[in-house]
Amino acid sequence: MLALDANQRITPSEALLGEGGFGIVAKCRDTTTNQAVAIKVNKSDPDILQQAHVEIFILEQLRRLDPDAANIVQWNGFFHDGERVSLKFELLDQCLWDYIRDRNKQGLPISEVRSILGQLTNALSHLGSVGIVHADLKPGKIMVVNRHESPVKVRLIDFGLACPASAVMPGDCVATTGYCAPEVMLGLPYNEASDMWSLGLVAVELATGVPLYPSENDYDYLKFIIETQGQPPDHVLDSVQFKGSVPGTGHESLETRYIILTRAEAGQRLFVSLIKEMLALDAHQRITPSQVLRHPFFSPGLSNRFPWEVAILVKIKKKKKSIPLFKAEQRTPYHHISPSIRPKTPCLQK
């Protein structure tokens, strides 16, 4: 038994839900309420403990929000088990990665993409209202409440790398390769707009079933971005704080990526228009959550009848030919590191 407090207890783990650098997440049962819960058990490592206390601080700020209205996970406190700190959350169904995988990575219907994207935008709007940056938004950090419900409901989880927007540290290695905003990779100051970039990439993955930039390292990831969207504006590059090289003509990636619309249907065109605004290279030009929700893509009159039929075309330079889809590469592991001890070395690698 692990003591929650003087009046509550939980049974040992019923199932392992996930694990990472921080420790594990286990399905347990609260014997007071007989309800299944998710317990995040942090390792006893001093650095992990420090990070856990930072996460608790963030979760305390988020208690000002209604979890249902804000589309964020419900946190129900923490407890100590010896030297370990454990966090207690509501138990949810499955993450978006698994939800997409169960559909054979073919992408979701336009109505479902619109619903999920709207809920996640709402979550970012609420985080912004209390000045919090999630800093690691990706499908693995988004949970489906119940996959059998329609319309499906989602919640944003895991605030292990979150921090107040007023306290971000330029140069910190936050977020995950493949979803990280350019300004974060380049060591520039960042804010809530970095979460909007990540959400744009999540939206593409919802629509197509596969990641837009499945890179194994930061250099190739930035190379993909530049080949797809062009180089960041000069005033952005002039502000870069680290002494490294931005991808250019001296490095050749094996792949070039394009989004291909197989039918010029109105929903597709509006979706691409929205994605371009979410993935603006200049964070100051990036669309805000309130602007996203007012975008024509969310118009009630938009047709839901047609399937997406959106593909990502991958041009393999070495082979000089094109193929319609690609296999998702292994994703970079998620690391929980306290903001006060995160590495100050540049994220970008050659």
Protein backbone atom coordinates (compact mmCIF):
# COMPACT_ATOMS: atom_id res chain seq x y z
CA MET A 1 0.00 0.00 0.00
CA LEU A 2 1.09 3.58 -0.73
CA ALA A 3 -0.33 6.23 1.59
CA LEU A 4 -2.03 9.18 -0.12
CA ASP A 5 -2.81 10.88 3.20
CA ALA A 6 -4.27 9.98 6.55
CA ASN A 7 -7.60 8.94 5.04
CA GLN A 8 -6.75 7.59 1.58
CA ARG A 9 -4.83 4.61 0.29
CA ILE A 10 -4.19 3.08 -3.11
CA THR A 11 -3.49 -0.48 -4.09
CA PRO A 12 -0.29 -1.43 -5.89
CA SER A 13 -0.10 -0.99 -9.63
CA GLU A 14 -2.73 -2.80 -11.71
CA ALA A 15 -1.00 -1.94 -14.98
CA LEU A 16 1.99 0.00 -16.23
CA LEU A 17 0.70 2.87 -18.38
CA GLY A 18 4.03 4.40 -19.36
CA GLU A 19 7.60 5.10 -18.36
CA GLY A 20 10.34 7.58 -19.11
CA GLY A 21 13.33 9.38 -17.69
CA PHE A 22 11.21 10.61 -14.75
CA GLY A 23 9.97 7.15 -13.63
CA ILE A 24 6.68 5.39 -14.39
CA VAL A 25 2.94 6.02 -14.69
CA ALA A 26 0.85 3.21 -13.22
CA LYS A 27 -2.84 2.40 -13.09
CA CYS A 28 -3.85 2.04 -9.44
CA ARG A 29 -7.03 1.88 -7.40
CA ASP A 30 -8.02 4.36 -4.73
CA THR A 31 -9.44 2.12 -2.00
CA THR A 32 -11.38 5.01 -0.46
CA THR A 33 -13.43 5.70 -3.60
CA ASN A 34 -12.77 2.37 -5.38
CA GLN A 35 -11.94 4.41 -8.47
CA ALA A 36 -9.08 3.64 -10.85
CA VAL A 37 -6.51 6.44 -10.98
CA ALA A 38 -3.24 7.18 -12.78
CA ILE A 39 -0.22 7.62 -10.50
CA LYS A 40 2.96 9.24 -11.81
CA VAL A 41 5.76 7.79 -9.67
CA ASN A 42 8.92 9.88 -9.94
CA LYS A 43 12.35 8.40 -9.35
CA SER A 44 14.18 9.27 -6.14
CA ASP A 45 17.02 10.92 -8.07
CA PRO A 46 17.61 14.45 -6.67
CA ASP A 47 17.28 16.09 -10.08
CA ILE A 48 14.02 14.25 -10.78
CA LEU A 49 12.71 15.23 -7.35
CA GLN A 50 13.49 18.86 -8.07
CA GLN A 51 11.68 18.62 -11.39
CA ALA A 52 8.69 16.98 -9.68
CA HIS A 53 8.37 19.93 -7.30
CA VAL A 54 8.45 22.32 -10.28
CA GLU A 55 5.64 20.31 -11.89
CA ILE A 56 3.63 20.46 -8.66
CA PHE A 57 4.07 24.25 -8.67
CA ILE A 58 2.70 24.41 -12.24
CA LEU A 59 -0.21 22.11 -11.40
CA GLU A 60 -1.07 24.32 -8.43
CA GLN A 61 -1.37 27.27 -10.85
CA LEU A 62 -3.60 25.21 -13.12
CA ARG A 63 -6.00 24.46 -10.27
CA ARG A 64 -7.50 27.85 -11.02
CA LEU A 65 -8.89 26.28 -14.20
CA ASP A 66 -11.83 23.91 -14.63
CA PRO A 67 -10.26 20.74 -16.15
CA ASP A 68 -13.40 19.98 -18.18
CA ALA A 69 -13.72 23.50 -19.56
CA ALA A 70 -9.97 23.81 -20.20
CA ASN A 71 -9.37 20.34 -21.73
CA ILE A 72 -6.53 19.60 -19.30
CA VAL A 73 -6.03 16.54 -17.09
CA GLN A 74 -7.51 16.64 -13.61
CA TRP A 75 -4.82 16.59 -10.93
CA ASN A 76 -5.79 15.27 -7.50
CA GLY A 77 -2.72 16.02 -5.42
CA PHE A 78 0.56 14.32 -4.56
CA PHE A 79 2.03 12.13 -1.85
CA HIS A 80 5.41 10.88 -0.68
CA ASP A 81 6.51 7.25 -0.65
CA GLY A 82 9.86 7.30 1.07
CA GLU A 83 12.08 9.55 -1.06
CA ARG A 84 9.80 9.40 -4.09
CA VAL A 85 7.15 11.95 -5.00
CA SER A 86 4.03 10.63 -6.74
CA LEU A 87 1.32 12.63 -8.48
CA LYS A 88 -2.29 11.47 -8.66
CA PHE A 89 -4.34 12.11 -11.83
CA GLU A 90 -7.66 11.02 -13.27
CA LEU A 91 -7.37 7.89 -15.40
CA LEU A 92 -7.83 8.53 -19.14
CA ASP A 93 -8.11 6.13 -22.09
CA GLN A 94 -5.25 6.38 -24.62
CA CYS A 95 -2.87 8.90 -26.11
CA LEU A 96 -3.33 10.42 -29.57
CA TRP A 97 -0.41 8.41 -30.98
CA ASP A 98 -2.29 5.18 -30.15
CA TYR A 99 -5.60 6.64 -31.29
CA ILE A 100 -4.10 7.48 -34.71
CA ARG A 101 -2.28 4.15 -34.91
CA ASP A 102 -5.55 2.27 -34.32
CA ARG A 103 -6.80 3.87 -37.53
CA ASN A 104 -3.85 2.47 -39.46
CA LYS A 105 -2.25 5.94 -39.66
CA GLN A 106 -4.69 6.96 -42.40
CA GLY A 107 -5.70 10.22 -40.78
CA LEU A 108 -8.98 11.21 -39.15
CA PRO A 109 -12.18 12.53 -40.77
CA ILE A 110 -12.38 16.29 -41.16
CA SER A 111 -15.09 16.55 -38.49
CA GLU A 112 -12.92 14.74 -35.96
CA VAL A 113 -9.82 16.77 -36.81
CA ARG A 114 -11.81 19.95 -36.34
CA SER A 115 -13.20 18.78 -33.00
CA ILE A 116 -9.87 17.65 -31.55
CA LEU A 117 -7.97 20.67 -32.85
CA GLY A 118 -10.62 22.96 -31.39
CA GLN A 119 -10.34 21.32 -27.97
CA LEU A 120 -6.53 21.54 -27.95
CA THR A 121 -6.65 25.17 -29.04
CA ASN A 122 -9.04 25.78 -26.16
CA ALA A 123 -6.50 24.14 -23.82
CA LEU A 124 -3.74 26.48 -25.04
CA SER A 125 -6.05 29.46 -24.60
CA HIS A 126 -6.64 28.49 -20.97
CA LEU A 127 -2.92 27.88 -20.35
CA GLY A 128 -2.23 31.32 -21.77
CA SER A 129 -4.80 32.84 -19.41
CA VAL A 130 -2.65 31.77 -16.45
CA GLY A 131 0.65 32.44 -18.23
CA ILE A 132 1.83 28.84 -18.62
CA VAL A 133 3.83 27.36 -21.52
CA HIS A 134 3.43 23.58 -21.86
CA ALA A 135 6.76 23.29 -23.75
CA ASP A 136 6.35 19.65 -24.86
CA LEU A 137 3.09 19.41 -26.76
CA LYS A 138 2.89 16.31 -28.98
CA PRO A 139 0.46 13.42 -29.55
CA GLY A 140 1.98 11.47 -26.65
CA LYS A 141 1.01 14.29 -24.27
CA ILE A 142 -2.63 14.39 -25.40
CA MET A 143 -5.07 11.84 -24.02
CA VAL A 144 -8.40 10.65 -25.35
CA VAL A 145 -10.90 10.53 -22.47
CA ASN A 146 -12.90 7.64 -23.95
CA ARG A 147 -12.25 6.36 -27.48
CA HIS A 148 -15.77 4.93 -27.69
CA GLU A 149 -17.50 8.29 -27.15
CA SER A 150 -18.55 10.50 -30.04
CA PRO A 151 -17.48 13.18 -30.46
CA VAL A 152 -14.21 12.16 -28.88
CA LYS A 153 -12.95 14.32 -26.00
CA VAL A 154 -9.26 15.01 -25.40
CA ARG A 155 -7.18 16.45 -22.56
CA LEU A 156 -3.67 17.87 -22.41
CA ILE A 157 -1.44 16.05 -19.91
CA ASP A 158 2.11 16.01 -18.50
CA PHE A 159 3.35 19.39 -17.33
CA GLY A 160 6.83 18.12 -16.47
CA LEU A 161 8.53 20.65 -18.75
CA ALA A 162 5.94 23.41 -18.38
CA CYS A 163 6.94 26.77 -16.95
CA PRO A 164 5.56 30.28 -16.52
CA ALA A 165 5.94 32.30 -19.73
CA SER A 166 7.64 34.99 -17.66
CA ALA A 167 10.34 32.56 -16.48
CA VAL A 168 11.44 30.75 -19.64
CA MET A 169 15.19 30.35 -20.12
CA PRO A 170 16.39 30.86 -23.73
CA GLY A 171 18.69 28.03 -24.67
CA ASP A 172 16.92 25.41 -22.56
CA CYS A 173 16.50 22.07 -24.34
CA VAL A 174 12.74 21.70 -23.97
CA ALA A 175 10.21 19.93 -26.17
CA THR A 176 10.84 16.92 -28.39
CA THR A 177 12.57 16.72 -31.75
CA GLY A 178 9.88 16.75 -34.42
CA TYR A 179 7.55 19.10 -32.52
CA CYS A 180 9.88 21.80 -31.18
CA ALA A 181 9.37 25.41 -32.32
CA PRO A 182 12.25 26.99 -34.32
CA GLU A 183 12.82 29.73 -31.75
CA VAL A 184 13.34 27.12 -29.03
CA MET A 185 15.82 25.16 -31.16
CA LEU A 186 17.74 28.32 -32.01
CA GLY A 187 18.14 29.34 -28.39
CA LEU A 188 15.87 32.40 -28.68
CA PRO A 189 13.37 33.69 -26.11
CA TYR A 190 10.06 31.85 -26.44
CA ASN A 191 6.55 32.02 -25.04
CA GLU A 192 3.10 30.49 -25.56
CA ALA A 193 3.57 30.79 -29.35
CA SER A 194 5.95 27.83 -29.21
CA ASP A 195 3.02 25.64 -28.12
CA MET A 196 1.03 26.85 -31.14
CA TRP A 197 3.83 25.63 -33.46
CA SER A 198 3.71 22.20 -31.81
CA LEU A 199 -0.06 22.11 -32.13
CA GLY A 200 0.24 22.85 -35.85
CA LEU A 201 2.39 19.74 -36.29
CA VAL A 202 -0.06 17.71 -34.20
CA ALA A 203 -2.87 18.92 -36.47
CA VAL A 204 -1.00 17.69 -39.56
CA GLU A 205 -0.52 14.32 -37.91
CA LEU A 206 -4.23 14.12 -37.10
CA ALA A 207 -5.15 14.82 -40.73
CA THR A 208 -2.55 12.59 -42.42
CA GLY A 209 -1.86 9.91 -39.84
CA VAL A 210 1.89 10.48 -39.93
CA PRO A 211 4.30 13.14 -38.61
CA LEU A 212 5.34 15.94 -40.94
CA TYR A 213 8.96 16.06 -39.71
CA PRO A 214 9.89 12.65 -38.18
CA SER A 215 13.53 13.52 -37.55
CA GLU A 216 15.90 11.70 -35.24
CA ASN A 217 18.02 14.79 -34.57
CA ASP A 218 17.53 18.53 -34.37
CA TYR A 219 19.70 19.32 -37.39
CA ASP A 220 17.66 17.23 -39.83
CA TYR A 221 14.46 18.53 -38.25
CA LEU A 222 15.46 22.13 -38.92
CA LYS A 223 16.63 21.12 -42.39
CA PHE A 224 13.16 19.74 -43.13
CA ILE A 225 11.58 22.98 -41.94
CA ILE A 226 13.83 25.13 -44.12
CA GLU A 227 13.28 22.97 -47.21
CA THR A 228 9.51 23.01 -46.67
CA GLN A 229 8.93 26.58 -45.49
CA GLY A 230 12.09 28.47 -46.30
CA GLN A 231 14.69 29.97 -44.00
CA PRO A 232 13.63 31.92 -40.89
CA PRO A 233 13.59 35.72 -41.38
CA ASP A 234 16.92 37.52 -41.06
CA HIS A 235 15.89 39.30 -37.87
CA VAL A 236 15.24 35.90 -36.28
CA LEU A 237 18.59 34.47 -37.35
CA ASP A 238 20.39 37.62 -36.24
CA SER A 239 19.10 37.01 -32.71
CA VAL A 240 20.43 33.43 -32.46
CA GLN A 241 22.38 33.07 -29.23
CA PHE A 242 24.49 29.99 -29.87
CA LYS A 243 27.52 29.58 -32.10
CA GLY A 244 26.41 26.75 -34.32
CA SER A 245 25.49 26.42 -37.96
CA VAL A 246 21.96 26.68 -39.30
CA PRO A 247 21.36 24.11 -42.04
CA GLY A 248 22.29 25.40 -45.46
CA THR A 249 23.83 24.24 -48.70
CA GLY A 250 26.62 22.40 -46.90
CA HIS A 251 24.34 19.64 -45.64
CA GLU A 252 21.98 17.49 -47.66
CA SER A 253 19.06 15.68 -46.02
CA LEU A 254 17.92 12.43 -47.57
CA GLU A 255 14.30 13.53 -47.72
CA THR A 256 12.25 16.52 -48.77
CA ARG A 257 8.66 16.68 -47.56
CA TYR A 258 5.52 18.08 -49.15
CA ILE A 259 1.84 18.02 -48.23
CA ILE A 260 -0.16 16.85 -51.22
CA LEU A 261 -3.90 17.51 -51.52
CA THR A 262 -5.49 14.84 -53.67
CA ARG A 263 -8.68 16.85 -54.08
CA ALA A 264 -9.07 20.64 -53.90
CA GLU A 265 -11.98 20.40 -51.46
CA ALA A 266 -12.81 23.48 -49.37
CA GLY A 267 -12.02 21.83 -46.03
CA GLN A 268 -8.56 20.85 -47.23
CA ARG A 269 -7.75 24.33 -48.50
CA LEU A 270 -8.88 25.97 -45.27
CA PHE A 271 -6.93 23.42 -43.25
CA VAL A 272 -3.71 24.14 -45.13
CA SER A 273 -4.33 27.86 -44.76
CA LEU A 274 -4.66 27.42 -40.99
CA ILE A 275 -1.57 25.21 -40.72
CA LYS A 276 0.54 27.83 -42.49
CA GLU A 277 -0.47 30.39 -39.89
CA MET A 278 0.19 27.98 -37.02
CA LEU A 279 3.63 27.14 -38.43
CA ALA A 280 4.79 30.71 -39.10
CA LEU A 281 8.57 30.74 -38.69
CA ASP A 282 8.46 34.09 -36.90
CA ALA A 283 6.78 33.48 -33.53
CA HIS A 284 5.48 37.05 -33.51
CA GLN A 285 3.55 36.33 -36.73
CA ARG A 286 2.13 33.01 -35.50
CA ILE A 287 -1.63 32.76 -35.08
CA THR A 288 -3.02 32.90 -31.51
CA PRO A 289 -5.52 30.46 -29.96
CA SER A 290 -8.39 32.96 -30.19
CA GLN A 291 -7.56 33.59 -33.87
CA VAL A 292 -7.46 29.85 -34.56
CA LEU A 293 -10.96 29.38 -33.20
CA ARG A 294 -12.21 32.22 -35.43
CA HIS A 295 -10.57 30.74 -38.53
CA PRO A 296 -12.97 29.69 -41.36
CA PHE A 297 -11.81 26.08 -40.88
CA PHE A 298 -14.07 26.03 -37.81
CA SER A 299 -17.08 27.40 -39.67
CA PRO A 300 -20.20 25.35 -38.80
CA GLY A 301 -21.16 25.25 -42.46
CA LEU A 302 -17.95 23.51 -43.60
CA SER A 303 -18.78 20.20 -45.26
CA ASN A 304 -17.95 17.03 -43.35
CA ARG A 305 -18.93 14.69 -46.17
CA PHE A 306 -15.63 14.22 -47.94
CA PRO A 307 -12.68 12.20 -46.69
CA TRP A 308 -9.38 14.02 -46.40
CA GLU A 309 -7.29 12.06 -48.89
CA VAL A 310 -4.32 14.17 -47.81
CA ALA A 311 -0.90 12.59 -48.26
CA ILE A 312 2.62 13.59 -47.34
CA LEU A 313 4.92 13.09 -50.29
CA VAL A 314 8.49 12.19 -49.47
CA LYS A 315 11.13 12.75 -52.11
CA ILE A 316 14.16 10.54 -51.46
CA LYS A 317 17.06 12.50 -52.93
CA LYS A 318 19.51 9.65 -52.88
CA LYS A 319 17.22 7.46 -54.98
CA LYS A 320 15.94 10.30 -57.19
CA LYS A 321 12.33 9.19 -56.96
CA SER A 322 9.16 9.95 -55.03
CA ILE A 323 6.98 7.76 -52.84
CA PRO A 324 3.53 8.67 -51.45
CA LEU A 325 4.04 7.88 -47.77
CA PHE A 326 6.81 7.01 -45.34
CA LYS A 327 7.45 4.95 -42.27
CA ALA A 328 7.56 6.96 -39.08
CA GLU A 329 11.04 6.88 -37.59
CA GLN A 330 11.69 6.11 -33.93
CA ARG A 331 10.74 9.09 -31.81
CA THR A 332 13.13 10.82 -29.48
CA PRO A 333 12.59 9.71 -25.86
CA TYR A 334 10.95 12.22 -23.57
CA HIS A 335 13.16 13.60 -20.80
CA HIS A 336 11.87 15.30 -17.65
CA ILE A 337 14.35 17.93 -16.54
CA SER A 338 13.72 20.72 -14.06
CA PRO A 339 13.85 24.23 -15.56
CA SER A 340 16.52 25.19 -13.04
CA ILE A 341 18.86 22.36 -14.10
CA ARG A 342 18.10 22.00 -17.81
CA PRO A 343 21.23 22.09 -19.96
CA LYS A 344 22.18 25.53 -21.19
CA THR A 345 24.07 24.07 -24.18
CA PRO A 346 22.52 24.58 -27.64
CA CYS A 347 19.94 22.03 -28.75
CA LEU A 348 21.02 22.19 -32.37
CA GLN A 349 23.48 19.54 -33.48
CA LYS A 350 25.50 19.06 -36.61
